[in-house]
């Protein structure tokens, strides 16, 4: 992804807000709105 591109960044945000995976848990009530100014950290493991 080119996260410098706001469109791509917002698309990625929308995906992690509602992943297509069958194995998922999602938080629907957040302390702050997720938008183009948000800072996201992804913890990745196998």
ModelCIF file with pLDDT and N, C-alpha, C, O atoms, coordinates in Angstrom:
data_MODEL
#
_entry.id   MODEL 
#
_entity.id                         1 
_entity.type                       polymer 
_entity.pdbx_number_of_molecules   1 
#
_entity_poly.entity_id                      1 
_entity_poly.type                           'polypeptide(L)' 
_entity_poly.nstd_linkage                   no 
_entity_poly.nstd_monomer                   no 
_entity_poly.pdbx_seq_one_letter_code       
;(UNK)(UNK)(UNK)(UNK)(UNK)(UNK)(UNK)(UNK)(UNK)(UNK)(UNK)(UNK)(UNK)(UNK)(UNK)(UNK)
(UNK)(UNK)(UNK)(UNK)(UNK)(UNK)(UNK)(UNK)(UNK)(UNK)(UNK)(UNK)(UNK)(UNK)(UNK)(UNK)
(UNK)(UNK)(UNK)(UNK)(UNK)(UNK)(UNK)(UNK)(UNK)(UNK)(UNK)(UNK)(UNK)(UNK)
;
_entity_poly.pdbx_seq_one_letter_code_can   XXXXXXXXXXXXXXXXXXXXXXXXXXXXXXXXXXXXXXXXXXXXXX 
_entity_poly.pdbx_strand_id                 A 
#
loop_
_entity_poly_seq.entity_id 
_entity_poly_seq.num 
_entity_poly_seq.mon_id 
_entity_poly_seq.hetero 
1 1  UNK n 
1 2  UNK n 
1 3  UNK n 
1 4  UNK n 
1 5  UNK n 
1 6  UNK n 
1 7  UNK n 
1 8  UNK n 
1 9  UNK n 
1 10 UNK n 
1 11 UNK n 
1 12 UNK n 
1 13 UNK n 
1 14 UNK n 
1 15 UNK n 
1 16 UNK n 
1 17 UNK n 
1 18 UNK n 
1 19 UNK n 
1 20 UNK n 
1 21 UNK n 
1 22 UNK n 
1 23 UNK n 
1 24 UNK n 
1 25 UNK n 
1 26 UNK n 
1 27 UNK n 
1 28 UNK n 
1 29 UNK n 
1 30 UNK n 
1 31 UNK n 
1 32 UNK n 
1 33 UNK n 
1 34 UNK n 
1 35 UNK n 
1 36 UNK n 
1 37 UNK n 
1 38 UNK n 
1 39 UNK n 
1 40 UNK n 
1 41 UNK n 
1 42 UNK n 
1 43 UNK n 
1 44 UNK n 
1 45 UNK n 
1 46 UNK n 
#
_struct_asym.id          A 
_struct_asym.entity_id   1 
#
loop_
_ma_qa_metric.id 
_ma_qa_metric.mode 
_ma_qa_metric.name 
_ma_qa_metric.software_group_id 
_ma_qa_metric.type 
1 global pLDDT . pLDDT 
2 local  pLDDT . pLDDT 
#
_ma_qa_metric_global.metric_id      1 
_ma_qa_metric_global.metric_value   97.50 
_ma_qa_metric_global.model_id       1 
_ma_qa_metric_global.ordinal_id     1 
#
loop_
_ma_qa_metric_local.label_asym_id 
_ma_qa_metric_local.label_comp_id 
_ma_qa_metric_local.label_seq_id 
_ma_qa_metric_local.metric_id 
_ma_qa_metric_local.metric_value 
_ma_qa_metric_local.model_id 
_ma_qa_metric_local.ordinal_id 
A UNK 1  2 97.00 1 1  
A UNK 2  2 97.00 1 2  
A UNK 3  2 98.00 1 3  
A UNK 4  2 98.00 1 4  
A UNK 5  2 98.00 1 5  
A UNK 6  2 98.00 1 6  
A UNK 7  2 98.00 1 7  
A UNK 8  2 98.00 1 8  
A UNK 9  2 98.00 1 9  
A UNK 10 2 98.00 1 10 
A UNK 11 2 98.00 1 11 
A UNK 12 2 98.00 1 12 
A UNK 13 2 98.00 1 13 
A UNK 14 2 98.00 1 14 
A UNK 15 2 98.00 1 15 
A UNK 16 2 98.00 1 16 
A UNK 17 2 98.00 1 17 
A UNK 18 2 97.00 1 18 
A UNK 19 2 98.00 1 19 
A UNK 20 2 96.00 1 20 
A UNK 21 2 96.00 1 21 
A UNK 22 2 94.00 1 22 
A UNK 23 2 97.00 1 23 
A UNK 24 2 98.00 1 24 
A UNK 25 2 98.00 1 25 
A UNK 26 2 98.00 1 26 
A UNK 27 2 98.00 1 27 
A UNK 28 2 94.00 1 28 
A UNK 29 2 96.00 1 29 
A UNK 30 2 98.00 1 30 
A UNK 31 2 98.00 1 31 
A UNK 32 2 96.00 1 32 
A UNK 33 2 96.00 1 33 
A UNK 34 2 98.00 1 34 
A UNK 35 2 98.00 1 35 
A UNK 36 2 98.00 1 36 
A UNK 37 2 98.00 1 37 
A UNK 38 2 98.00 1 38 
A UNK 39 2 98.00 1 39 
A UNK 40 2 98.00 1 40 
A UNK 41 2 98.00 1 41 
A UNK 42 2 98.00 1 42 
A UNK 43 2 98.00 1 43 
A UNK 44 2 98.00 1 44 
A UNK 45 2 98.00 1 45 
A UNK 46 2 97.00 1 46 
#
loop_
_atom_site.group_PDB 
_atom_site.id 
_atom_site.type_symbol 
_atom_site.label_atom_id 
_atom_site.label_alt_id 
_atom_site.label_comp_id 
_atom_site.label_asym_id 
_atom_site.label_entity_id 
_atom_site.label_seq_id 
_atom_site.pdbx_PDB_ins_code 
_atom_site.Cartn_x 
_atom_site.Cartn_y 
_atom_site.Cartn_z 
_atom_site.occupancy 
_atom_site.B_iso_or_equiv 
_atom_site.pdbx_formal_charge 
_atom_site.auth_seq_id 
_atom_site.auth_comp_id 
_atom_site.auth_asym_id 
_atom_site.auth_atom_id 
_atom_site.pdbx_PDB_model_num 
ATOM 1   N N  . UNK A 1 1  ? 0.840   -1.198  0.000  1.00 97.00 ? 1  UNK A N  1 
ATOM 2   C CA . UNK A 1 1  ? 0.000   0.000   0.000  1.00 97.00 ? 1  UNK A CA 1 
ATOM 3   C C  . UNK A 1 1  ? 0.873   1.245   0.000  1.00 97.00 ? 1  UNK A C  1 
ATOM 4   O O  . UNK A 1 1  ? 1.956   1.267   0.586  1.00 97.00 ? 1  UNK A O  1 
ATOM 5   N N  . UNK A 1 2  ? 0.388   2.261   -0.658 1.00 97.00 ? 2  UNK A N  1 
ATOM 6   C CA . UNK A 1 2  ? 1.053   3.568   -0.607 1.00 97.00 ? 2  UNK A CA 1 
ATOM 7   C C  . UNK A 1 2  ? 0.279   4.432   0.386  1.00 97.00 ? 2  UNK A C  1 
ATOM 8   O O  . UNK A 1 2  ? -0.684  5.104   0.018  1.00 97.00 ? 2  UNK A O  1 
ATOM 9   N N  . UNK A 1 3  ? 0.704   4.406   1.631  1.00 98.00 ? 3  UNK A N  1 
ATOM 10  C CA . UNK A 1 3  ? -0.059  5.107   2.662  1.00 98.00 ? 3  UNK A CA 1 
ATOM 11  C C  . UNK A 1 3  ? 0.095   6.626   2.595  1.00 98.00 ? 3  UNK A C  1 
ATOM 12  O O  . UNK A 1 3  ? -0.604  7.354   3.301  1.00 98.00 ? 3  UNK A O  1 
ATOM 13  N N  . UNK A 1 4  ? 1.005   7.100   1.752  1.00 98.00 ? 4  UNK A N  1 
ATOM 14  C CA . UNK A 1 4  ? 1.069   8.546   1.508  1.00 98.00 ? 4  UNK A CA 1 
ATOM 15  C C  . UNK A 1 4  ? -0.138  9.003   0.698  1.00 98.00 ? 4  UNK A C  1 
ATOM 16  O O  . UNK A 1 4  ? -0.508  10.176  0.719  1.00 98.00 ? 4  UNK A O  1 
ATOM 17  N N  . UNK A 1 5  ? -0.744  8.059   -0.014 1.00 98.00 ? 5  UNK A N  1 
ATOM 18  C CA . UNK A 1 5  ? -1.963  8.325   -0.775 1.00 98.00 ? 5  UNK A CA 1 
ATOM 19  C C  . UNK A 1 5  ? -3.150  8.193   0.180  1.00 98.00 ? 5  UNK A C  1 
ATOM 20  O O  . UNK A 1 5  ? -3.440  7.103   0.674  1.00 98.00 ? 5  UNK A O  1 
ATOM 21  N N  . UNK A 1 6  ? -3.821  9.293   0.429  1.00 98.00 ? 6  UNK A N  1 
ATOM 22  C CA . UNK A 1 6  ? -4.910  9.307   1.409  1.00 98.00 ? 6  UNK A CA 1 
ATOM 23  C C  . UNK A 1 6  ? -6.020  8.335   1.040  1.00 98.00 ? 6  UNK A C  1 
ATOM 24  O O  . UNK A 1 6  ? -6.621  7.721   1.921  1.00 98.00 ? 6  UNK A O  1 
ATOM 25  N N  . UNK A 1 7  ? -6.294  8.189   -0.232 1.00 98.00 ? 7  UNK A N  1 
ATOM 26  C CA . UNK A 1 7  ? -7.354  7.263   -0.656 1.00 98.00 ? 7  UNK A CA 1 
ATOM 27  C C  . UNK A 1 7  ? -6.999  5.834   -0.253 1.00 98.00 ? 7  UNK A C  1 
ATOM 28  O O  . UNK A 1 7  ? -7.833  5.115   0.296  1.00 98.00 ? 7  UNK A O  1 
ATOM 29  N N  . UNK A 1 8  ? -5.749  5.420   -0.528 1.00 98.00 ? 8  UNK A N  1 
ATOM 30  C CA . UNK A 1 8  ? -5.334  4.069   -0.157 1.00 98.00 ? 8  UNK A CA 1 
ATOM 31  C C  . UNK A 1 8  ? -5.315  3.889   1.362  1.00 98.00 ? 8  UNK A C  1 
ATOM 32  O O  . UNK A 1 8  ? -5.685  2.835   1.880  1.00 98.00 ? 8  UNK A O  1 
ATOM 33  N N  . UNK A 1 9  ? -4.885  4.921   2.055  1.00 98.00 ? 9  UNK A N  1 
ATOM 34  C CA . UNK A 1 9  ? -4.849  4.842   3.523  1.00 98.00 ? 9  UNK A CA 1 
ATOM 35  C C  . UNK A 1 9  ? -6.257  4.671   4.088  1.00 98.00 ? 9  UNK A C  1 
ATOM 36  O O  . UNK A 1 9  ? -6.478  3.845   4.974  1.00 98.00 ? 9  UNK A O  1 
ATOM 37  N N  . UNK A 1 10 ? -7.203  5.449   3.577  1.00 98.00 ? 10 UNK A N  1 
ATOM 38  C CA . UNK A 1 10 ? -8.576  5.349   4.067  1.00 98.00 ? 10 UNK A CA 1 
ATOM 39  C C  . UNK A 1 10 ? -9.196  4.000   3.714  1.00 98.00 ? 10 UNK A C  1 
ATOM 40  O O  . UNK A 1 10 ? -9.992  3.462   4.483  1.00 98.00 ? 10 UNK A O  1 
ATOM 41  N N  . UNK A 1 11 ? -8.837  3.457   2.559  1.00 98.00 ? 11 UNK A N  1 
ATOM 42  C CA . UNK A 1 11 ? -9.330  2.128   2.192  1.00 98.00 ? 11 UNK A CA 1 
ATOM 43  C C  . UNK A 1 11 ? -8.796  1.067   3.149  1.00 98.00 ? 11 UNK A C  1 
ATOM 44  O O  . UNK A 1 11 ? -9.528  0.159   3.546  1.00 98.00 ? 11 UNK A O  1 
ATOM 45  N N  . UNK A 1 12 ? -7.509  1.182   3.523  1.00 98.00 ? 12 UNK A N  1 
ATOM 46  C CA . UNK A 1 12 ? -6.925  0.241   4.477  1.00 98.00 ? 12 UNK A CA 1 
ATOM 47  C C  . UNK A 1 12 ? -7.623  0.372   5.834  1.00 98.00 ? 12 UNK A C  1 
ATOM 48  O O  . UNK A 1 12 ? -7.925  -0.634  6.476  1.00 98.00 ? 12 UNK A O  1 
ATOM 49  N N  . UNK A 1 13 ? -7.877  1.601   6.269  1.00 98.00 ? 13 UNK A N  1 
ATOM 50  C CA . UNK A 1 13 ? -8.580  1.814   7.536  1.00 98.00 ? 13 UNK A CA 1 
ATOM 51  C C  . UNK A 1 13 ? -9.956  1.156   7.513  1.00 98.00 ? 13 UNK A C  1 
ATOM 52  O O  . UNK A 1 13 ? -10.361 0.501   8.473  1.00 98.00 ? 13 UNK A O  1 
ATOM 53  N N  . UNK A 1 14 ? -10.662 1.338   6.413  1.00 98.00 ? 14 UNK A N  1 
ATOM 54  C CA . UNK A 1 14 ? -11.997 0.745   6.321  1.00 98.00 ? 14 UNK A CA 1 
ATOM 55  C C  . UNK A 1 14 ? -11.920 -0.774  6.382  1.00 98.00 ? 14 UNK A C  1 
ATOM 56  O O  . UNK A 1 14 ? -12.807 -1.425  6.934  1.00 98.00 ? 14 UNK A O  1 
ATOM 57  N N  . UNK A 1 15 ? -10.861 -1.333  5.814  1.00 98.00 ? 15 UNK A N  1 
ATOM 58  C CA . UNK A 1 15 ? -10.719 -2.791  5.855  1.00 98.00 ? 15 UNK A CA 1 
ATOM 59  C C  . UNK A 1 15 ? -10.491 -3.285  7.292  1.00 98.00 ? 15 UNK A C  1 
ATOM 60  O O  . UNK A 1 15 ? -11.131 -4.242  7.729  1.00 98.00 ? 15 UNK A O  1 
ATOM 61  N N  . UNK A 1 16 ? -9.582  -2.632  8.020  1.00 98.00 ? 16 UNK A N  1 
ATOM 62  C CA . UNK A 1 16 ? -9.308  -3.119  9.385  1.00 98.00 ? 16 UNK A CA 1 
ATOM 63  C C  . UNK A 1 16 ? -10.477 -2.819  10.334 1.00 98.00 ? 16 UNK A C  1 
ATOM 64  O O  . UNK A 1 16 ? -10.598 -3.438  11.392 1.00 98.00 ? 16 UNK A O  1 
ATOM 65  N N  . UNK A 1 17 ? -11.332 -1.871  9.950  1.00 98.00 ? 17 UNK A N  1 
ATOM 66  C CA . UNK A 1 17 ? -12.545 -1.627  10.735 1.00 98.00 ? 17 UNK A CA 1 
ATOM 67  C C  . UNK A 1 17 ? -13.585 -2.719  10.495 1.00 98.00 ? 17 UNK A C  1 
ATOM 68  O O  . UNK A 1 17 ? -14.456 -2.948  11.334 1.00 98.00 ? 17 UNK A O  1 
ATOM 69  N N  . UNK A 1 18 ? -13.490 -3.390  9.350  1.00 97.00 ? 18 UNK A N  1 
ATOM 70  C CA . UNK A 1 18 ? -14.437 -4.458  9.025  1.00 97.00 ? 18 UNK A CA 1 
ATOM 71  C C  . UNK A 1 18 ? -13.754 -5.499  8.138  1.00 97.00 ? 18 UNK A C  1 
ATOM 72  O O  . UNK A 1 18 ? -14.035 -5.570  6.941  1.00 97.00 ? 18 UNK A O  1 
ATOM 73  N N  . UNK A 1 19 ? -12.856 -6.308  8.714  1.00 98.00 ? 19 UNK A N  1 
ATOM 74  C CA . UNK A 1 19 ? -12.110 -7.283  7.912  1.00 98.00 ? 19 UNK A CA 1 
ATOM 75  C C  . UNK A 1 19 ? -13.042 -8.329  7.292  1.00 98.00 ? 19 UNK A C  1 
ATOM 76  O O  . UNK A 1 19 ? -14.097 -8.645  7.842  1.00 98.00 ? 19 UNK A O  1 
ATOM 77  N N  . UNK A 1 20 ? -12.628 -8.858  6.134  1.00 96.00 ? 20 UNK A N  1 
ATOM 78  C CA . UNK A 1 20 ? -13.428 -9.884  5.458  1.00 96.00 ? 20 UNK A CA 1 
ATOM 79  C C  . UNK A 1 20 ? -13.162 -11.280 5.998  1.00 96.00 ? 20 UNK A C  1 
ATOM 80  O O  . UNK A 1 20 ? -13.856 -12.228 5.629  1.00 96.00 ? 20 UNK A O  1 
ATOM 81  N N  . UNK A 1 21 ? -12.170 -11.419 6.865  1.00 96.00 ? 21 UNK A N  1 
ATOM 82  C CA . UNK A 1 21 ? -11.781 -12.732 7.390  1.00 96.00 ? 21 UNK A CA 1 
ATOM 83  C C  . UNK A 1 21 ? -12.893 -13.356 8.234  1.00 96.00 ? 21 UNK A C  1 
ATOM 84  O O  . UNK A 1 21 ? -13.659 -12.668 8.909  1.00 96.00 ? 21 UNK A O  1 
ATOM 85  N N  . UNK A 1 22 ? -12.948 -14.686 8.169  1.00 94.00 ? 22 UNK A N  1 
ATOM 86  C CA . UNK A 1 22 ? -13.887 -15.412 9.028  1.00 94.00 ? 22 UNK A CA 1 
ATOM 87  C C  . UNK A 1 22 ? -13.390 -15.447 10.471 1.00 94.00 ? 22 UNK A C  1 
ATOM 88  O O  . UNK A 1 22 ? -14.178 -15.522 11.413 1.00 94.00 ? 22 UNK A O  1 
ATOM 89  N N  . UNK A 1 23 ? -12.060 -15.391 10.624 1.00 97.00 ? 23 UNK A N  1 
ATOM 90  C CA . UNK A 1 23 ? -11.462 -15.378 11.961 1.00 97.00 ? 23 UNK A CA 1 
ATOM 91  C C  . UNK A 1 23 ? -11.176 -13.922 12.337 1.00 97.00 ? 23 UNK A C  1 
ATOM 92  O O  . UNK A 1 23 ? -10.128 -13.381 11.982 1.00 97.00 ? 23 UNK A O  1 
ATOM 93  N N  . UNK A 1 24 ? -12.098 -13.298 13.048 1.00 98.00 ? 24 UNK A N  1 
ATOM 94  C CA . UNK A 1 24 ? -11.925 -11.878 13.368 1.00 98.00 ? 24 UNK A CA 1 
ATOM 95  C C  . UNK A 1 24 ? -12.724 -11.497 14.604 1.00 98.00 ? 24 UNK A C  1 
ATOM 96  O O  . UNK A 1 24 ? -13.731 -12.117 14.944 1.00 98.00 ? 24 UNK A O  1 
ATOM 97  N N  . UNK A 1 25 ? -12.239 -10.456 15.257 1.00 98.00 ? 25 UNK A N  1 
ATOM 98  C CA . UNK A 1 25 ? -12.983 -9.751  16.288 1.00 98.00 ? 25 UNK A CA 1 
ATOM 99  C C  . UNK A 1 25 ? -12.819 -8.263  16.012 1.00 98.00 ? 25 UNK A C  1 
ATOM 100 O O  . UNK A 1 25 ? -11.727 -7.806  15.672 1.00 98.00 ? 25 UNK A O  1 
ATOM 101 N N  . UNK A 1 26 ? -13.904 -7.507  16.157 1.00 98.00 ? 26 UNK A N  1 
ATOM 102 C CA . UNK A 1 26 ? -13.906 -6.089  15.801 1.00 98.00 ? 26 UNK A CA 1 
ATOM 103 C C  . UNK A 1 26 ? -14.551 -5.284  16.918 1.00 98.00 ? 26 UNK A C  1 
ATOM 104 O O  . UNK A 1 26 ? -15.565 -5.687  17.487 1.00 98.00 ? 26 UNK A O  1 
ATOM 105 N N  . UNK A 1 27 ? -13.946 -4.140  17.224 1.00 98.00 ? 27 UNK A N  1 
ATOM 106 C CA . UNK A 1 27 ? -14.496 -3.242  18.236 1.00 98.00 ? 27 UNK A CA 1 
ATOM 107 C C  . UNK A 1 27 ? -15.347 -2.183  17.535 1.00 98.00 ? 27 UNK A C  1 
ATOM 108 O O  . UNK A 1 27 ? -14.856 -1.452  16.675 1.00 98.00 ? 27 UNK A O  1 
ATOM 109 N N  . UNK A 1 28 ? -16.587 -2.110  17.898 1.00 94.00 ? 28 UNK A N  1 
ATOM 110 C CA . UNK A 1 28 ? -17.496 -1.183  17.207 1.00 94.00 ? 28 UNK A CA 1 
ATOM 111 C C  . UNK A 1 28 ? -17.552 0.193   17.861 1.00 94.00 ? 28 UNK A C  1 
ATOM 112 O O  . UNK A 1 28 ? -17.864 1.182   17.199 1.00 94.00 ? 28 UNK A O  1 
ATOM 113 N N  . UNK A 1 29 ? -17.252 0.262   19.149 1.00 96.00 ? 29 UNK A N  1 
ATOM 114 C CA . UNK A 1 29 ? -17.277 1.557   19.844 1.00 96.00 ? 29 UNK A CA 1 
ATOM 115 C C  . UNK A 1 29 ? -15.849 1.963   20.174 1.00 96.00 ? 29 UNK A C  1 
ATOM 116 O O  . UNK A 1 29 ? -15.170 1.311   20.967 1.00 96.00 ? 29 UNK A O  1 
ATOM 117 N N  . UNK A 1 30 ? -15.404 3.053   19.554 1.00 98.00 ? 30 UNK A N  1 
ATOM 118 C CA . UNK A 1 30 ? -14.025 3.516   19.706 1.00 98.00 ? 30 UNK A CA 1 
ATOM 119 C C  . UNK A 1 30 ? -13.977 4.852   20.440 1.00 98.00 ? 30 UNK A C  1 
ATOM 120 O O  . UNK A 1 30 ? -14.927 5.634   20.403 1.00 98.00 ? 30 UNK A O  1 
ATOM 121 N N  . UNK A 1 31 ? -12.852 5.095   21.105 1.00 98.00 ? 31 UNK A N  1 
ATOM 122 C CA . UNK A 1 31 ? -12.687 6.346   21.846 1.00 98.00 ? 31 UNK A CA 1 
ATOM 123 C C  . UNK A 1 31 ? -12.611 7.549   20.917 1.00 98.00 ? 31 UNK A C  1 
ATOM 124 O O  . UNK A 1 31 ? -13.048 8.648   21.260 1.00 98.00 ? 31 UNK A O  1 
ATOM 125 N N  . UNK A 1 32 ? -12.044 7.320   19.723 1.00 96.00 ? 32 UNK A N  1 
ATOM 126 C CA . UNK A 1 32 ? -11.881 8.408   18.762 1.00 96.00 ? 32 UNK A CA 1 
ATOM 127 C C  . UNK A 1 32 ? -12.279 7.926   17.374 1.00 96.00 ? 32 UNK A C  1 
ATOM 128 O O  . UNK A 1 32 ? -12.189 6.738   17.066 1.00 96.00 ? 32 UNK A O  1 
ATOM 129 N N  . UNK A 1 33 ? -12.714 8.853   16.554 1.00 96.00 ? 33 UNK A N  1 
ATOM 130 C CA . UNK A 1 33 ? -13.035 8.528   15.166 1.00 96.00 ? 33 UNK A CA 1 
ATOM 131 C C  . UNK A 1 33 ? -11.752 8.160   14.415 1.00 96.00 ? 33 UNK A C  1 
ATOM 132 O O  . UNK A 1 33 ? -10.716 8.804   14.579 1.00 96.00 ? 33 UNK A O  1 
ATOM 133 N N  . UNK A 1 34 ? -11.839 7.128   13.602 1.00 98.00 ? 34 UNK A N  1 
ATOM 134 C CA . UNK A 1 34 ? -10.719 6.743   12.754 1.00 98.00 ? 34 UNK A CA 1 
ATOM 135 C C  . UNK A 1 34 ? -10.852 7.495   11.434 1.00 98.00 ? 34 UNK A C  1 
ATOM 136 O O  . UNK A 1 34 ? -11.854 7.358   10.732 1.00 98.00 ? 34 UNK A O  1 
ATOM 137 N N  . UNK A 1 35 ? -9.827  8.296   11.098 1.00 98.00 ? 35 UNK A N  1 
ATOM 138 C CA . UNK A 1 35 ? -9.906  9.119   9.889  1.00 98.00 ? 35 UNK A CA 1 
ATOM 139 C C  . UNK A 1 35 ? -8.523  9.281   9.269  1.00 98.00 ? 35 UNK A C  1 
ATOM 140 O O  . UNK A 1 35 ? -7.598  8.553   9.631  1.00 98.00 ? 35 UNK A O  1 
ATOM 141 N N  . UNK A 1 36 ? -8.371  10.213  8.353  1.00 98.00 ? 36 UNK A N  1 
ATOM 142 C CA . UNK A 1 36 ? -7.107  10.371  7.630  1.00 98.00 ? 36 UNK A CA 1 
ATOM 143 C C  . UNK A 1 36 ? -5.980  10.903  8.516  1.00 98.00 ? 36 UNK A C  1 
ATOM 144 O O  . UNK A 1 36 ? -4.815  10.853  8.121  1.00 98.00 ? 36 UNK A O  1 
ATOM 145 N N  . UNK A 1 37 ? -6.308  11.409  9.705  1.00 98.00 ? 37 UNK A N  1 
ATOM 146 C CA . UNK A 1 37 ? -5.281  11.893  10.631 1.00 98.00 ? 37 UNK A CA 1 
ATOM 147 C C  . UNK A 1 37 ? -4.882  10.851  11.669 1.00 98.00 ? 37 UNK A C  1 
ATOM 148 O O  . UNK A 1 37 ? -4.006  11.105  12.496 1.00 98.00 ? 37 UNK A O  1 
ATOM 149 N N  . UNK A 1 38 ? -5.511  9.690   11.635 1.00 98.00 ? 38 UNK A N  1 
ATOM 150 C CA . UNK A 1 38 ? -5.228  8.659   12.631 1.00 98.00 ? 38 UNK A CA 1 
ATOM 151 C C  . UNK A 1 38 ? -3.837  8.051   12.432 1.00 98.00 ? 38 UNK A C  1 
ATOM 152 O O  . UNK A 1 38 ? -3.273  8.061   11.337 1.00 98.00 ? 38 UNK A O  1 
ATOM 153 N N  . UNK A 1 39 ? -3.314  7.522   13.538 1.00 98.00 ? 39 UNK A N  1 
ATOM 154 C CA . UNK A 1 39 ? -2.036  6.806   13.507 1.00 98.00 ? 39 UNK A CA 1 
ATOM 155 C C  . UNK A 1 39 ? -2.317  5.351   13.897 1.00 98.00 ? 39 UNK A C  1 
ATOM 156 O O  . UNK A 1 39 ? -2.767  5.065   15.006 1.00 98.00 ? 39 UNK A O  1 
ATOM 157 N N  . UNK A 1 40 ? -2.038  4.436   12.952 1.00 98.00 ? 40 UNK A N  1 
ATOM 158 C CA . UNK A 1 40 ? -2.349  3.023   13.121 1.00 98.00 ? 40 UNK A CA 1 
ATOM 159 C C  . UNK A 1 40 ? -1.073  2.230   13.390 1.00 98.00 ? 40 UNK A C  1 
ATOM 160 O O  . UNK A 1 40 ? -0.054  2.444   12.734 1.00 98.00 ? 40 UNK A O  1 
ATOM 161 N N  . UNK A 1 41 ? -1.131  1.318   14.352 1.00 98.00 ? 41 UNK A N  1 
ATOM 162 C CA . UNK A 1 41 ? -0.053  0.349   14.559 1.00 98.00 ? 41 UNK A CA 1 
ATOM 163 C C  . UNK A 1 41 ? -0.630  -1.050  14.367 1.00 98.00 ? 41 UNK A C  1 
ATOM 164 O O  . UNK A 1 41 ? -1.653  -1.403  14.955 1.00 98.00 ? 41 UNK A O  1 
ATOM 165 N N  . UNK A 1 42 ? 0.046   -1.841  13.531 1.00 98.00 ? 42 UNK A N  1 
ATOM 166 C CA . UNK A 1 42 ? -0.356  -3.218  13.262 1.00 98.00 ? 42 UNK A CA 1 
ATOM 167 C C  . UNK A 1 42 ? 0.667   -4.163  13.885 1.00 98.00 ? 42 UNK A C  1 
ATOM 168 O O  . UNK A 1 42 ? 1.856   -4.080  13.579 1.00 98.00 ? 42 UNK A O  1 
ATOM 169 N N  . UNK A 1 43 ? 0.208   -5.063  14.761 1.00 98.00 ? 43 UNK A N  1 
ATOM 170 C CA . UNK A 1 43 ? 1.057   -6.103  15.326 1.00 98.00 ? 43 UNK A CA 1 
ATOM 171 C C  . UNK A 1 43 ? 0.863   -7.347  14.466 1.00 98.00 ? 43 UNK A C  1 
ATOM 172 O O  . UNK A 1 43 ? -0.252  -7.855  14.343 1.00 98.00 ? 43 UNK A O  1 
ATOM 173 N N  . UNK A 1 44 ? 1.943   -7.833  13.877 1.00 98.00 ? 44 UNK A N  1 
ATOM 174 C CA . UNK A 1 44 ? 1.854   -8.923  12.905 1.00 98.00 ? 44 UNK A CA 1 
ATOM 175 C C  . UNK A 1 44 ? 2.647   -10.138 13.377 1.00 98.00 ? 44 UNK A C  1 
ATOM 176 O O  . UNK A 1 44 ? 3.807   -10.026 13.773 1.00 98.00 ? 44 UNK A O  1 
ATOM 177 N N  . UNK A 1 45 ? 1.992   -11.310 13.326 1.00 98.00 ? 45 UNK A N  1 
ATOM 178 C CA . UNK A 1 45 ? 2.672   -12.558 13.672 1.00 98.00 ? 45 UNK A CA 1 
ATOM 179 C C  . UNK A 1 45 ? 2.151   -13.683 12.786 1.00 98.00 ? 45 UNK A C  1 
ATOM 180 O O  . UNK A 1 45 ? 1.163   -13.515 12.071 1.00 98.00 ? 45 UNK A O  1 
ATOM 181 N N  . UNK A 1 46 ? 2.816   -14.819 12.836 1.00 97.00 ? 46 UNK A N  1 
ATOM 182 C CA . UNK A 1 46 ? 2.427   -15.971 12.017 1.00 97.00 ? 46 UNK A CA 1 
ATOM 183 C C  . UNK A 1 46 ? 1.270   -16.742 12.659 1.00 97.00 ? 46 UNK A C  1 
ATOM 184 O O  . UNK A 1 46 ? 0.813   -17.743 12.107 1.00 97.00 ? 46 UNK A O  1 
#
